[in-house]
N, C-alpha and C. Protein backbone atom coordinates (compact mmCIF):
# COMPACT_ATOMS: atom_id res chain seq x y z
N MET A 1 13.76 38.56 15.81
CA MET A 1 12.65 38.62 14.89
C MET A 1 12.88 37.69 13.70
N ARG A 2 14.08 37.72 13.14
CA ARG A 2 14.38 36.91 11.97
C ARG A 2 14.34 35.42 12.32
N LEU A 3 14.83 35.06 13.51
CA LEU A 3 14.81 33.67 13.96
C LEU A 3 13.37 33.19 14.15
N THR A 4 12.53 34.03 14.74
CA THR A 4 11.12 33.67 14.95
C THR A 4 10.43 33.45 13.62
N GLN A 5 10.70 34.31 12.67
CA GLN A 5 10.09 34.20 11.34
C GLN A 5 10.57 32.92 10.64
N SER A 6 11.83 32.62 10.74
CA SER A 6 12.38 31.40 10.14
C SER A 6 11.77 30.16 10.77
N LEU A 7 11.65 30.15 12.10
CA LEU A 7 11.04 29.02 12.79
C LEU A 7 9.58 28.85 12.39
N PHE A 8 8.87 29.97 12.24
CA PHE A 8 7.47 29.90 11.82
C PHE A 8 7.34 29.22 10.47
N PHE A 9 8.16 29.63 9.50
CA PHE A 9 8.08 29.03 8.17
C PHE A 9 8.52 27.57 8.18
N LEU A 10 9.49 27.24 8.99
CA LEU A 10 9.94 25.86 9.11
C LEU A 10 8.83 24.97 9.67
N VAL A 11 8.17 25.44 10.72
CA VAL A 11 7.07 24.68 11.33
C VAL A 11 5.89 24.58 10.35
N ALA A 12 5.59 25.66 9.64
CA ALA A 12 4.49 25.65 8.68
C ALA A 12 4.77 24.66 7.55
N ALA A 13 6.00 24.63 7.08
CA ALA A 13 6.36 23.70 6.00
C ALA A 13 6.27 22.25 6.49
N ALA A 14 6.75 21.99 7.69
CA ALA A 14 6.68 20.64 8.24
C ALA A 14 5.23 20.20 8.43
N LEU A 15 4.40 21.11 8.90
CA LEU A 15 2.98 20.81 9.09
C LEU A 15 2.30 20.53 7.75
N ALA A 16 2.62 21.31 6.74
CA ALA A 16 2.04 21.10 5.40
C ALA A 16 2.44 19.74 4.85
N LEU A 17 3.69 19.36 5.05
CA LEU A 17 4.15 18.04 4.58
C LEU A 17 3.45 16.91 5.33
N ALA A 18 3.30 17.08 6.63
CA ALA A 18 2.65 16.04 7.44
C ALA A 18 1.19 15.88 7.04
N VAL A 19 0.49 16.96 6.86
CA VAL A 19 -0.93 16.90 6.48
C VAL A 19 -1.06 16.32 5.08
N GLY A 20 -0.22 16.75 4.18
CA GLY A 20 -0.27 16.25 2.81
C GLY A 20 0.00 14.76 2.72
N SER A 21 0.96 14.28 3.47
CA SER A 21 1.26 12.85 3.43
C SER A 21 0.16 12.04 4.09
N GLY A 22 -0.58 12.64 5.00
CA GLY A 22 -1.70 11.95 5.62
C GLY A 22 -2.83 11.69 4.65
N TYR A 23 -2.99 12.56 3.66
CA TYR A 23 -4.03 12.40 2.67
C TYR A 23 -3.57 11.60 1.46
N ALA A 24 -2.30 11.40 1.31
CA ALA A 24 -1.78 10.66 0.15
C ALA A 24 -2.15 9.20 0.27
N GLU A 25 -2.53 8.61 -0.86
CA GLU A 25 -2.88 7.18 -0.86
C GLU A 25 -1.63 6.37 -1.06
N ASP A 26 -1.45 5.37 -0.20
CA ASP A 26 -0.29 4.49 -0.29
C ASP A 26 -0.55 3.42 -1.33
N LYS A 27 0.23 3.42 -2.41
CA LYS A 27 0.04 2.44 -3.47
C LYS A 27 1.24 1.55 -3.64
N ILE A 28 2.18 1.58 -2.72
CA ILE A 28 3.40 0.81 -2.89
C ILE A 28 3.12 -0.68 -2.99
N GLY A 29 2.32 -1.23 -2.09
CA GLY A 29 2.07 -2.66 -2.13
C GLY A 29 0.69 -3.01 -2.63
N LYS A 30 -0.11 -2.03 -2.98
CA LYS A 30 -1.50 -2.26 -3.35
C LYS A 30 -1.62 -3.10 -4.60
N ASP A 31 -2.48 -4.10 -4.55
CA ASP A 31 -2.79 -4.95 -5.68
C ASP A 31 -3.63 -4.14 -6.66
N ALA A 32 -3.18 -4.01 -7.90
CA ALA A 32 -3.87 -3.22 -8.91
C ALA A 32 -5.25 -3.79 -9.23
N GLN A 33 -5.48 -5.07 -8.97
CA GLN A 33 -6.76 -5.70 -9.28
C GLN A 33 -7.74 -5.65 -8.11
N ASP A 34 -7.36 -5.01 -7.01
CA ASP A 34 -8.23 -4.92 -5.85
C ASP A 34 -8.93 -3.57 -5.80
N PRO A 35 -10.24 -3.54 -6.06
CA PRO A 35 -10.96 -2.27 -6.02
C PRO A 35 -11.22 -1.76 -4.61
N GLY A 36 -11.05 -2.61 -3.60
CA GLY A 36 -11.28 -2.21 -2.22
C GLY A 36 -12.58 -2.79 -1.67
N PHE A 37 -12.67 -2.82 -0.36
CA PHE A 37 -13.81 -3.45 0.32
C PHE A 37 -15.13 -2.80 -0.08
N ASN A 38 -15.21 -1.48 0.01
CA ASN A 38 -16.48 -0.79 -0.27
C ASN A 38 -16.95 -1.01 -1.70
N ALA A 39 -16.02 -1.03 -2.65
CA ALA A 39 -16.40 -1.24 -4.04
C ALA A 39 -16.88 -2.68 -4.27
N LEU A 40 -16.29 -3.62 -3.57
CA LEU A 40 -16.70 -5.02 -3.72
C LEU A 40 -18.04 -5.30 -3.04
N ASP A 41 -18.32 -4.62 -1.96
CA ASP A 41 -19.57 -4.82 -1.22
C ASP A 41 -20.72 -4.11 -1.95
N LYS A 42 -21.19 -4.73 -3.02
CA LYS A 42 -22.20 -4.11 -3.91
C LYS A 42 -23.51 -3.81 -3.20
N ASN A 43 -23.95 -4.66 -2.29
CA ASN A 43 -25.24 -4.43 -1.62
C ASN A 43 -25.09 -3.64 -0.31
N ASN A 44 -23.89 -3.20 -0.01
CA ASN A 44 -23.62 -2.37 1.18
C ASN A 44 -24.14 -2.97 2.48
N ASP A 45 -23.98 -4.30 2.63
CA ASP A 45 -24.40 -4.94 3.86
C ASP A 45 -23.26 -5.08 4.87
N GLY A 46 -22.07 -4.61 4.49
CA GLY A 46 -20.92 -4.68 5.39
C GLY A 46 -20.15 -5.98 5.28
N TYR A 47 -20.51 -6.82 4.31
CA TYR A 47 -19.83 -8.09 4.08
C TYR A 47 -19.61 -8.28 2.58
N ILE A 48 -18.65 -9.13 2.25
CA ILE A 48 -18.40 -9.47 0.86
C ILE A 48 -18.79 -10.94 0.68
N SER A 49 -19.76 -11.18 -0.20
CA SER A 49 -20.18 -12.55 -0.49
C SER A 49 -19.20 -13.16 -1.49
N ARG A 50 -19.33 -14.45 -1.71
CA ARG A 50 -18.47 -15.13 -2.69
C ARG A 50 -18.64 -14.51 -4.08
N SER A 51 -19.89 -14.20 -4.46
CA SER A 51 -20.12 -13.61 -5.78
C SER A 51 -19.55 -12.18 -5.86
N GLU A 52 -19.62 -11.42 -4.78
CA GLU A 52 -19.03 -10.08 -4.77
C GLU A 52 -17.51 -10.15 -4.83
N ALA A 53 -16.93 -11.19 -4.21
CA ALA A 53 -15.48 -11.35 -4.20
C ALA A 53 -14.92 -11.62 -5.60
N ALA A 54 -15.77 -12.06 -6.52
CA ALA A 54 -15.33 -12.32 -7.89
C ALA A 54 -14.79 -11.06 -8.56
N GLY A 55 -15.08 -9.89 -8.01
CA GLY A 55 -14.55 -8.63 -8.54
C GLY A 55 -13.06 -8.47 -8.30
N ASN A 56 -12.48 -9.34 -7.48
CA ASN A 56 -11.04 -9.34 -7.20
C ASN A 56 -10.56 -10.79 -7.34
N PRO A 57 -9.88 -11.13 -8.45
CA PRO A 57 -9.47 -12.51 -8.69
C PRO A 57 -8.65 -13.13 -7.55
N THR A 58 -7.77 -12.36 -6.95
CA THR A 58 -6.95 -12.87 -5.84
C THR A 58 -7.82 -13.22 -4.65
N LEU A 59 -8.75 -12.35 -4.32
CA LEU A 59 -9.65 -12.59 -3.19
C LEU A 59 -10.56 -13.78 -3.46
N ALA A 60 -11.04 -13.90 -4.69
CA ALA A 60 -11.92 -15.01 -5.04
C ALA A 60 -11.20 -16.34 -4.84
N LYS A 61 -9.92 -16.40 -5.21
CA LYS A 61 -9.14 -17.64 -5.05
C LYS A 61 -8.93 -17.98 -3.57
N LYS A 62 -8.81 -16.95 -2.74
CA LYS A 62 -8.50 -17.16 -1.32
C LYS A 62 -9.72 -17.01 -0.43
N PHE A 63 -10.92 -17.04 -1.03
CA PHE A 63 -12.13 -16.77 -0.26
C PHE A 63 -12.29 -17.72 0.92
N LYS A 64 -12.17 -19.01 0.67
CA LYS A 64 -12.37 -20.00 1.75
C LYS A 64 -11.35 -19.80 2.86
N GLU A 65 -10.10 -19.54 2.48
CA GLU A 65 -9.04 -19.28 3.46
C GLU A 65 -9.32 -18.02 4.27
N ALA A 66 -9.85 -17.00 3.60
CA ALA A 66 -10.11 -15.72 4.26
C ALA A 66 -11.32 -15.78 5.18
N ASP A 67 -12.29 -16.64 4.86
CA ASP A 67 -13.53 -16.76 5.65
C ASP A 67 -13.26 -17.56 6.92
N LYS A 68 -12.64 -16.92 7.89
CA LYS A 68 -12.19 -17.59 9.12
C LYS A 68 -13.33 -18.22 9.93
N ASP A 69 -14.48 -17.55 9.96
CA ASP A 69 -15.58 -18.09 10.77
C ASP A 69 -16.52 -19.00 9.97
N GLY A 70 -16.25 -19.18 8.68
CA GLY A 70 -17.00 -20.12 7.85
C GLY A 70 -18.45 -19.76 7.61
N ASP A 71 -18.77 -18.46 7.68
CA ASP A 71 -20.16 -18.05 7.48
C ASP A 71 -20.52 -17.76 6.02
N GLY A 72 -19.57 -17.97 5.10
CA GLY A 72 -19.85 -17.77 3.68
C GLY A 72 -19.76 -16.33 3.21
N LYS A 73 -19.28 -15.47 4.08
CA LYS A 73 -19.09 -14.06 3.71
C LYS A 73 -17.88 -13.52 4.45
N LEU A 74 -17.31 -12.46 3.90
CA LEU A 74 -16.12 -11.87 4.52
C LEU A 74 -16.48 -10.56 5.21
N SER A 75 -16.11 -10.47 6.48
CA SER A 75 -16.24 -9.20 7.18
C SER A 75 -15.08 -8.31 6.74
N ARG A 76 -15.14 -7.07 7.10
CA ARG A 76 -14.05 -6.15 6.75
C ARG A 76 -12.73 -6.65 7.36
N THR A 77 -12.77 -7.18 8.57
CA THR A 77 -11.56 -7.69 9.22
C THR A 77 -10.98 -8.87 8.45
N GLU A 78 -11.85 -9.80 8.04
CA GLU A 78 -11.37 -10.96 7.28
C GLU A 78 -10.78 -10.51 5.95
N TYR A 79 -11.45 -9.58 5.29
CA TYR A 79 -10.97 -9.04 4.03
C TYR A 79 -9.60 -8.37 4.21
N LEU A 80 -9.50 -7.52 5.22
CA LEU A 80 -8.23 -6.79 5.44
C LEU A 80 -7.10 -7.74 5.80
N THR A 81 -7.40 -8.79 6.53
CA THR A 81 -6.36 -9.76 6.90
C THR A 81 -5.76 -10.40 5.66
N VAL A 82 -6.59 -10.90 4.77
CA VAL A 82 -6.08 -11.58 3.58
C VAL A 82 -5.45 -10.59 2.60
N MET A 83 -6.02 -9.40 2.46
CA MET A 83 -5.49 -8.44 1.49
C MET A 83 -4.21 -7.78 2.00
N THR A 84 -4.06 -7.64 3.30
CA THR A 84 -2.82 -7.09 3.85
C THR A 84 -1.67 -8.03 3.56
N LYS A 85 -1.92 -9.34 3.70
CA LYS A 85 -0.89 -10.32 3.36
C LYS A 85 -0.53 -10.22 1.88
N GLN A 86 -1.55 -10.08 1.03
CA GLN A 86 -1.32 -9.98 -0.41
C GLN A 86 -0.55 -8.70 -0.74
N ASP A 87 -0.94 -7.58 -0.13
CA ASP A 87 -0.25 -6.31 -0.38
C ASP A 87 1.20 -6.38 0.05
N ALA A 88 1.47 -7.06 1.17
CA ALA A 88 2.85 -7.20 1.65
C ALA A 88 3.67 -8.02 0.66
N LYS A 89 3.08 -9.09 0.11
CA LYS A 89 3.79 -9.89 -0.89
C LYS A 89 4.08 -9.08 -2.14
N THR A 90 3.09 -8.29 -2.59
CA THR A 90 3.27 -7.46 -3.78
C THR A 90 4.37 -6.43 -3.55
N ALA A 91 4.37 -5.78 -2.37
CA ALA A 91 5.39 -4.79 -2.06
C ALA A 91 6.77 -5.43 -2.01
N LYS A 92 6.86 -6.62 -1.42
CA LYS A 92 8.14 -7.31 -1.32
C LYS A 92 8.68 -7.63 -2.71
N LYS A 93 7.82 -8.10 -3.60
CA LYS A 93 8.25 -8.40 -4.97
C LYS A 93 8.75 -7.15 -5.68
N LYS A 94 8.06 -6.03 -5.49
CA LYS A 94 8.47 -4.78 -6.13
C LYS A 94 9.83 -4.34 -5.63
N VAL A 95 10.05 -4.45 -4.34
CA VAL A 95 11.34 -4.06 -3.76
C VAL A 95 12.44 -4.98 -4.26
N GLU A 96 12.17 -6.29 -4.26
CA GLU A 96 13.18 -7.25 -4.75
C GLU A 96 13.51 -6.99 -6.21
N ASN A 97 12.50 -6.71 -7.03
CA ASN A 97 12.75 -6.41 -8.44
C ASN A 97 13.57 -5.14 -8.61
N ALA A 98 13.30 -4.13 -7.80
CA ALA A 98 14.05 -2.88 -7.87
C ALA A 98 15.51 -3.11 -7.47
N ILE A 99 15.71 -3.92 -6.45
CA ILE A 99 17.08 -4.23 -6.01
C ILE A 99 17.82 -4.99 -7.11
N ASP A 100 17.14 -5.97 -7.70
CA ASP A 100 17.75 -6.75 -8.78
C ASP A 100 18.12 -5.87 -9.97
N ARG A 101 17.24 -4.94 -10.32
CA ARG A 101 17.52 -4.02 -11.44
C ARG A 101 18.73 -3.14 -11.13
N ASN A 102 18.83 -2.70 -9.88
CA ASN A 102 19.95 -1.84 -9.51
C ASN A 102 21.26 -2.61 -9.47
N LYS A 103 21.22 -3.91 -9.17
CA LYS A 103 22.44 -4.72 -9.17
C LYS A 103 22.99 -4.87 -10.58
N ASP A 104 22.08 -4.91 -11.55
CA ASP A 104 22.48 -5.11 -12.94
C ASP A 104 23.04 -3.85 -13.59
N LYS A 105 22.77 -2.70 -12.99
CA LYS A 105 23.26 -1.44 -13.57
C LYS A 105 24.75 -1.30 -13.30
N PRO A 106 25.49 -0.82 -14.32
CA PRO A 106 26.92 -0.61 -14.08
C PRO A 106 27.14 0.57 -13.13
N ALA A 107 28.22 0.48 -12.40
CA ALA A 107 28.58 1.57 -11.46
C ALA A 107 28.87 2.82 -12.26
N SER A 108 28.53 3.96 -11.70
CA SER A 108 28.81 5.23 -12.40
C SER A 108 30.30 5.47 -12.46
N SER A 109 30.71 6.15 -13.51
CA SER A 109 32.15 6.38 -13.70
C SER A 109 32.67 7.49 -12.80
N GLY A 110 31.77 8.37 -12.36
CA GLY A 110 32.21 9.46 -11.49
C GLY A 110 32.31 9.01 -10.06
N SER A 111 33.36 9.37 -9.39
CA SER A 111 33.55 9.00 -8.00
C SER A 111 33.09 10.13 -7.11
N THR A 112 32.40 9.79 -6.04
CA THR A 112 31.98 10.82 -5.10
C THR A 112 32.96 10.95 -3.94
N ALA A 113 33.97 10.12 -3.92
CA ALA A 113 34.96 10.17 -2.84
C ALA A 113 35.88 11.37 -3.08
N PRO A 114 36.23 12.08 -2.04
CA PRO A 114 37.12 13.25 -2.20
C PRO A 114 38.52 12.78 -2.63
N ALA A 115 39.15 13.60 -3.46
CA ALA A 115 40.51 13.29 -3.94
C ALA A 115 41.49 13.53 -2.81
N LYS A 116 42.54 12.70 -2.74
CA LYS A 116 43.55 12.86 -1.68
C LYS A 116 44.80 13.47 -2.23
């Protein structure tokens, strides 16, 4: 009985964590200046025009590069392609900066190795 009860709570906790993390927004690599596709698509036509892209300075600079089919507007796929690359660069910079900061920190004076 006790084992069954423990397993139930363990499974319930794991399920709660899994569901919660599914709803959490990933902001690790997200560009702070990117409001997202839906926010940029002001007329809700499913595309981002050059003038709508002005709401994201990075996207506006890369508009021509992102417009793969040359139709003067970005589909969701074109938008996601260019912004995924940007998000990956932002995440990489954050990780590199964190690593650099940790290298500069002095080692702690306490040793975690067991005494012999």
